[in-house]
Amino acid sequence: MPVVKVVMNGAISIVNAVATGKGATLGTSLKTTILVHSSRGEGVSMNDQNINNPQFLKLITKQIVPFNILQNTHLHISVDSNMPIGCGLKSSSVLSTGILMACNKLFKLELSESQLLNTSAVASLKAGVSLTGAYDDACGCYYGGFIVTDNVKNKIIKSEKCIQQLSVVIFIPKYQKRCHINSLKKLDFVFHRAWLLAKNSNYWNAMTLNGMATALIFDSSPDLIISLLEKGAIAASTSGNGTAIAAITKQPNLNTIKNVFTSYAEGETLLTSINNNKPQIHEL
């Protein structure tokens, strides 16, 4: 029974793309391992762990695998991850892109990187899991490092590695709720300014401006972003549409930044690093 294994990393937001259709991300070392098993039969099955939208993943397979193959093939998808789902850390993009990669190799479809990432964006729009297609998220998880995109055109504007040895502290509040993301468009001019900063490689200021704007929209406290900066964070922002909040810092400041989060609210704190590498893929 053929099996393909993909190990993908997540990402955090530098600039939220909802307001303008243009976004930016930074790769993290939070990992997800995806196994896709192929056997005779029909349909798609999966383990429930770390999968919050099975129908989305079934749609993904239909976007790439020819119908005549799916009619005679049973696919089983297994996921193991240390990445919290549904809180803005790009878990949907990790799964969609990883499954597309696995199917591409499994069935020898020979699709290019660009075709895979475009397909991920199209499927995200069709499934309603993203307003923009999350092309920035898919590219951020695939390439790592800094990615700046135009999601309307599915185009990468800039891609470069983060050469600094920095850490990422991620806080997931226990009780904070996601707000209506269309409200982000009220500050579209602010997000456009943040995107222009990212386009010019001024990533940390872009991320912090994004953080202040999302804090106002999501009814969380801008004081938290200010406190993080005062205590040694290089940049801080809500990631995606929340609820996760990420801070970039140097190693000596890790505990201080963690304490800022834990004194702010009850929740979970994750420590990780920046990822600059593409996913690993193997046929087992």
Protein backbone atom coordinates (compact mmCIF):
# COMPACT_ATOMS: atom_id res chain seq x y z
CA MET A 1 0.00 0.00 0.00
CA PRO A 2 1.73 3.23 -1.15
CA VAL A 3 2.24 5.88 1.55
CA VAL A 4 3.57 9.44 1.29
CA LYS A 5 4.75 11.39 4.32
CA VAL A 6 4.89 15.19 4.38
CA VAL A 7 6.30 17.22 7.27
CA MET A 8 5.22 20.86 7.11
CA ASN A 9 5.83 23.86 9.33
CA GLY A 10 3.35 26.58 10.25
CA ALA A 11 3.57 30.35 10.06
CA ILE A 12 2.40 33.51 11.79
CA SER A 13 1.02 36.73 10.33
CA ILE A 14 3.13 39.76 9.62
CA VAL A 15 0.23 41.50 7.85
CA ASN A 16 -3.38 40.29 7.77
CA ALA A 17 -4.63 40.02 4.17
CA VAL A 18 -8.39 40.24 4.79
CA ALA A 19 -8.68 44.04 4.57
CA THR A 20 -6.73 44.61 1.35
CA GLY A 21 -6.14 41.22 -0.26
CA LYS A 22 -2.42 41.61 0.39
CA GLY A 23 -0.60 39.83 3.22
CA ALA A 24 2.70 38.79 4.71
CA THR A 25 3.81 35.88 6.89
CA LEU A 26 6.79 34.42 8.72
CA GLY A 27 7.48 30.68 8.96
CA THR A 28 7.61 28.97 12.36
CA SER A 29 8.92 25.60 13.50
CA LEU A 30 5.58 24.27 14.72
CA LYS A 31 5.34 20.96 12.85
CA THR A 32 2.59 18.88 11.30
CA THR A 33 3.19 15.39 9.90
CA ILE A 34 0.74 14.19 7.26
CA LEU A 35 0.55 10.60 6.02
CA VAL A 36 -1.55 9.80 2.96
CA HIS A 37 -2.19 6.07 2.38
CA SER A 38 -3.49 4.80 -0.95
CA SER A 39 -5.31 1.49 -1.41
CA ARG A 40 -7.93 -0.10 -3.62
CA GLY A 41 -11.44 1.09 -2.98
CA GLU A 42 -13.17 4.46 -3.05
CA GLY A 43 -13.49 7.56 -0.90
CA VAL A 44 -11.42 9.50 1.61
CA SER A 45 -11.11 8.71 5.32
CA MET A 46 -9.02 10.30 8.05
CA ASN A 47 -8.18 10.19 11.70
CA ASP A 48 -10.09 12.79 13.74
CA GLN A 49 -7.11 14.08 15.70
CA ASN A 50 -5.90 17.53 14.58
CA ILE A 51 -8.54 17.74 11.84
CA ASN A 52 -11.38 20.19 12.49
CA ASN A 53 -12.80 20.29 8.95
CA PRO A 54 -12.80 16.87 7.24
CA GLN A 55 -14.98 18.11 4.36
CA PHE A 56 -12.34 20.72 3.50
CA LEU A 57 -9.68 18.03 3.20
CA LYS A 58 -11.93 15.89 1.01
CA LEU A 59 -12.45 18.92 -1.23
CA ILE A 60 -8.66 19.34 -1.41
CA THR A 61 -8.17 15.83 -2.78
CA LYS A 62 -10.88 16.39 -5.41
CA GLN A 63 -9.12 19.55 -6.57
CA ILE A 64 -5.98 17.67 -7.56
CA VAL A 65 -6.65 13.93 -8.01
CA PRO A 66 -8.39 13.03 -11.31
CA PHE A 67 -11.95 11.71 -10.88
CA ASN A 68 -11.19 8.38 -12.57
CA ILE A 69 -8.43 7.73 -10.01
CA LEU A 70 -10.61 8.68 -7.02
CA GLN A 71 -13.30 6.29 -8.25
CA ASN A 72 -10.94 3.36 -7.79
CA THR A 73 -8.77 4.56 -4.91
CA HIS A 74 -9.29 4.83 -1.19
CA LEU A 75 -7.22 7.52 0.51
CA HIS A 76 -6.62 7.56 4.25
CA ILE A 77 -5.21 10.77 5.71
CA SER A 78 -3.46 10.71 9.07
CA VAL A 79 -2.29 13.86 10.85
CA ASP A 80 0.01 14.37 13.83
CA SER A 81 0.71 17.95 14.91
CA ASN A 82 1.98 20.14 17.74
CA MET A 83 0.18 23.11 16.15
CA PRO A 84 -3.08 24.30 17.77
CA ILE A 85 -5.87 24.45 15.19
CA GLY A 86 -8.34 27.21 14.47
CA CYS A 87 -6.48 30.06 16.17
CA GLY A 88 -4.57 31.81 13.38
CA LEU A 89 -1.41 29.69 13.16
CA LYS A 90 -2.11 28.56 9.57
CA SER A 91 -3.20 25.00 10.37
CA SER A 92 -5.67 24.91 7.45
CA SER A 93 -2.98 25.98 4.98
CA VAL A 94 -0.57 23.42 6.40
CA LEU A 95 -3.08 20.61 5.91
CA SER A 96 -4.30 21.67 2.48
CA THR A 97 -0.82 22.27 1.06
CA GLY A 98 0.60 19.14 2.68
CA ILE A 99 -2.18 16.91 1.33
CA LEU A 100 -1.80 18.41 -2.13
CA MET A 101 1.94 17.70 -2.03
CA ALA A 102 1.32 14.13 -0.91
CA CYS A 103 -1.26 13.44 -3.64
CA ASN A 104 0.97 15.06 -6.24
CA LYS A 105 3.77 12.63 -5.37
CA LEU A 106 1.54 9.64 -4.74
CA PHE A 107 -0.13 9.79 -8.15
CA LYS A 108 2.87 11.30 -10.00
CA LEU A 109 0.83 14.29 -11.19
CA GLU A 110 3.97 16.44 -11.65
CA LEU A 111 2.34 19.72 -10.65
CA SER A 112 4.67 22.66 -10.03
CA GLU A 113 5.04 24.48 -6.72
CA SER A 114 3.03 27.37 -8.15
CA GLN A 115 0.21 25.08 -9.26
CA LEU A 116 0.06 23.42 -5.83
CA LEU A 117 -0.10 26.73 -3.98
CA ASN A 118 -2.71 28.14 -6.38
CA THR A 119 -4.81 25.01 -5.91
CA SER A 120 -4.59 25.39 -2.12
CA ALA A 121 -5.87 28.97 -2.41
CA VAL A 122 -8.73 28.01 -4.76
CA ALA A 123 -9.83 25.18 -2.45
CA SER A 124 -9.74 27.49 0.59
CA LEU A 125 -12.05 29.92 -1.18
CA LYS A 126 -14.43 27.17 -2.34
CA ALA A 127 -14.60 25.67 1.14
CA GLY A 128 -15.20 29.06 2.74
CA VAL A 129 -12.28 28.72 5.17
CA SER A 130 -10.70 31.94 3.87
CA LEU A 131 -11.96 35.23 2.42
CA THR A 132 -8.83 35.75 0.33
CA GLY A 133 -7.77 32.17 -0.42
CA ALA A 134 -4.97 32.46 2.16
CA TYR A 135 -2.33 32.40 -0.56
CA ASP A 136 0.02 34.20 1.85
CA ASP A 137 -0.50 31.48 4.45
CA ALA A 138 0.04 28.62 1.98
CA CYS A 139 3.24 30.23 0.69
CA GLY A 140 4.42 31.03 4.22
CA CYS A 141 4.03 27.42 5.31
CA TYR A 142 5.60 26.09 2.11
CA TYR A 143 8.65 28.33 1.75
CA GLY A 144 9.24 29.49 5.32
CA GLY A 145 11.01 32.74 6.07
CA PHE A 146 9.35 36.03 5.16
CA ILE A 147 6.70 35.96 2.44
CA VAL A 148 4.88 39.00 1.06
CA THR A 149 1.99 38.28 -1.33
CA ASP A 150 -0.82 39.71 -3.39
CA ASN A 151 -3.61 37.24 -2.66
CA VAL A 152 -5.91 38.69 -5.32
CA LYS A 153 -3.39 37.82 -8.02
CA ASN A 154 -1.96 34.75 -6.20
CA LYS A 155 1.45 36.32 -6.60
CA ILE A 156 4.53 36.32 -4.36
CA ILE A 157 5.88 39.86 -4.13
CA LYS A 158 8.88 39.11 -1.92
CA SER A 159 10.46 36.04 -0.32
CA GLU A 160 13.54 36.07 1.90
CA LYS A 161 14.99 34.19 4.83
CA CYS A 162 15.06 35.53 8.37
CA ILE A 163 18.77 35.43 9.13
CA GLN A 164 18.49 36.56 12.76
CA GLN A 165 18.54 33.96 15.54
CA LEU A 166 15.19 34.81 17.09
CA SER A 167 12.47 33.05 19.05
CA VAL A 168 8.70 33.16 18.71
CA VAL A 169 6.45 33.25 21.76
CA ILE A 170 2.83 32.41 20.95
CA PHE A 171 -0.01 32.99 23.41
CA ILE A 172 -3.50 31.54 22.95
CA PRO A 173 -5.98 33.20 25.36
CA LYS A 174 -8.42 30.79 26.95
CA TYR A 175 -11.52 32.95 26.75
CA GLN A 176 -10.96 35.43 23.91
CA LYS A 177 -13.33 35.01 20.98
CA ARG A 178 -12.77 35.73 17.32
CA CYS A 179 -14.53 38.86 16.09
CA HIS A 180 -16.22 39.32 12.72
CA ILE A 181 -13.29 39.51 10.34
CA ASN A 182 -15.03 41.82 7.88
CA SER A 183 -14.49 44.53 10.50
CA LEU A 184 -10.82 44.52 9.48
CA LYS A 185 -11.78 46.43 6.34
CA LYS A 186 -12.58 49.48 8.47
CA LEU A 187 -8.83 49.97 8.84
CA ASP A 188 -7.82 48.92 5.33
CA PHE A 189 -5.55 51.97 4.97
CA VAL A 190 -3.60 50.91 8.08
CA PHE A 191 -3.16 47.35 6.82
CA HIS A 192 -2.04 48.70 3.45
CA ARG A 193 0.64 50.78 5.21
CA ALA A 194 1.74 47.69 7.13
CA TRP A 195 1.94 45.72 3.88
CA LEU A 196 4.06 48.42 2.26
CA LEU A 197 6.45 48.22 5.22
CA ALA A 198 6.71 44.45 4.73
CA LYS A 199 7.19 44.88 0.98
CA ASN A 200 10.21 47.07 1.83
CA SER A 201 11.58 44.40 4.24
CA ASN A 202 10.60 46.46 7.31
CA TYR A 203 8.98 43.36 8.75
CA TRP A 204 9.02 44.07 12.48
CA ASN A 205 7.38 47.48 12.17
CA ALA A 206 4.87 45.96 9.75
CA MET A 207 4.02 43.23 12.24
CA THR A 208 3.62 45.63 15.15
CA LEU A 209 1.44 48.02 13.14
CA ASN A 210 -0.67 45.01 12.16
CA GLY A 211 -0.80 44.07 15.84
CA MET A 212 -2.07 47.46 16.96
CA ALA A 213 -4.72 47.52 14.22
CA THR A 214 -5.99 43.99 14.90
CA ALA A 215 -6.06 44.71 18.65
CA LEU A 216 -8.46 47.59 18.03
CA ILE A 217 -10.66 45.56 15.69
CA PHE A 218 -10.69 42.34 17.72
CA ASP A 219 -11.45 44.21 20.93
CA SER A 220 -8.28 43.02 22.64
CA SER A 221 -5.99 45.44 24.41
CA PRO A 222 -3.38 47.43 22.46
CA ASP A 223 -1.73 47.79 25.88
CA LEU A 224 -0.61 44.16 25.59
CA ILE A 225 1.31 44.91 22.37
CA ILE A 226 2.91 47.94 24.04
CA SER A 227 3.87 45.92 27.13
CA LEU A 228 5.48 43.23 24.99
CA LEU A 229 7.57 45.83 23.17
CA GLU A 230 8.58 47.49 26.45
CA LYS A 231 9.73 44.13 27.82
CA GLY A 232 11.96 43.26 24.89
CA ALA A 233 9.77 42.01 22.03
CA ILE A 234 11.04 43.04 18.61
CA ALA A 235 7.51 42.82 17.19
CA ALA A 236 4.10 41.54 18.31
CA SER A 237 0.73 40.95 16.69
CA THR A 238 -2.40 38.87 16.55
CA SER A 239 -1.74 36.06 14.07
CA GLY A 240 -4.32 35.71 11.33
CA ASN A 241 -7.79 36.36 12.70
CA GLY A 242 -6.85 35.17 16.19
CA THR A 243 -7.00 34.13 18.80
CA ALA A 244 -3.23 33.52 18.87
CA ILE A 245 -0.91 36.45 19.63
CA ALA A 246 2.74 36.14 18.61
CA ALA A 247 5.81 38.01 19.81
CA ILE A 248 9.28 37.93 18.25
CA THR A 249 12.16 38.20 20.70
CA LYS A 250 15.77 37.31 21.41
CA GLN A 251 16.59 34.25 23.54
CA PRO A 252 17.46 36.16 26.78
CA ASN A 253 14.01 37.78 26.84
CA LEU A 254 11.94 34.59 26.45
CA ASN A 255 10.85 34.26 30.09
CA THR A 256 10.09 37.95 30.39
CA ILE A 257 7.85 37.88 27.31
CA LYS A 258 6.17 34.71 28.53
CA ASN A 259 5.45 36.41 31.87
CA VAL A 260 3.85 39.37 30.09
CA PHE A 261 1.41 37.00 28.43
CA THR A 262 0.61 34.96 31.54
CA SER A 263 -0.03 38.09 33.59
CA TYR A 264 -2.33 39.41 30.86
CA ALA A 265 -4.81 36.53 30.73
CA GLU A 266 -5.29 32.82 31.28
CA GLY A 267 -4.20 30.73 28.33
CA GLU A 268 -1.57 28.54 26.67
CA THR A 269 1.95 29.73 25.83
CA LEU A 270 4.06 28.08 23.12
CA LEU A 271 7.75 28.64 22.50
CA THR A 272 9.09 27.98 19.01
CA SER A 273 11.61 29.27 16.49
CA ILE A 274 11.62 30.71 12.98
CA ASN A 275 11.62 28.30 10.05
CA ASN A 276 13.29 29.11 6.72
CA ASN A 277 12.95 25.70 5.04
CA LYS A 278 10.56 23.99 2.64
CA PRO A 279 8.54 20.92 3.73
CA GLN A 280 10.02 17.44 3.78
CA ILE A 281 8.34 14.81 1.61
CA HIS A 282 9.08 11.07 1.43
CA GLU A 283 7.50 8.02 -0.20
CA LEU A 284 7.49 5.21 2.37
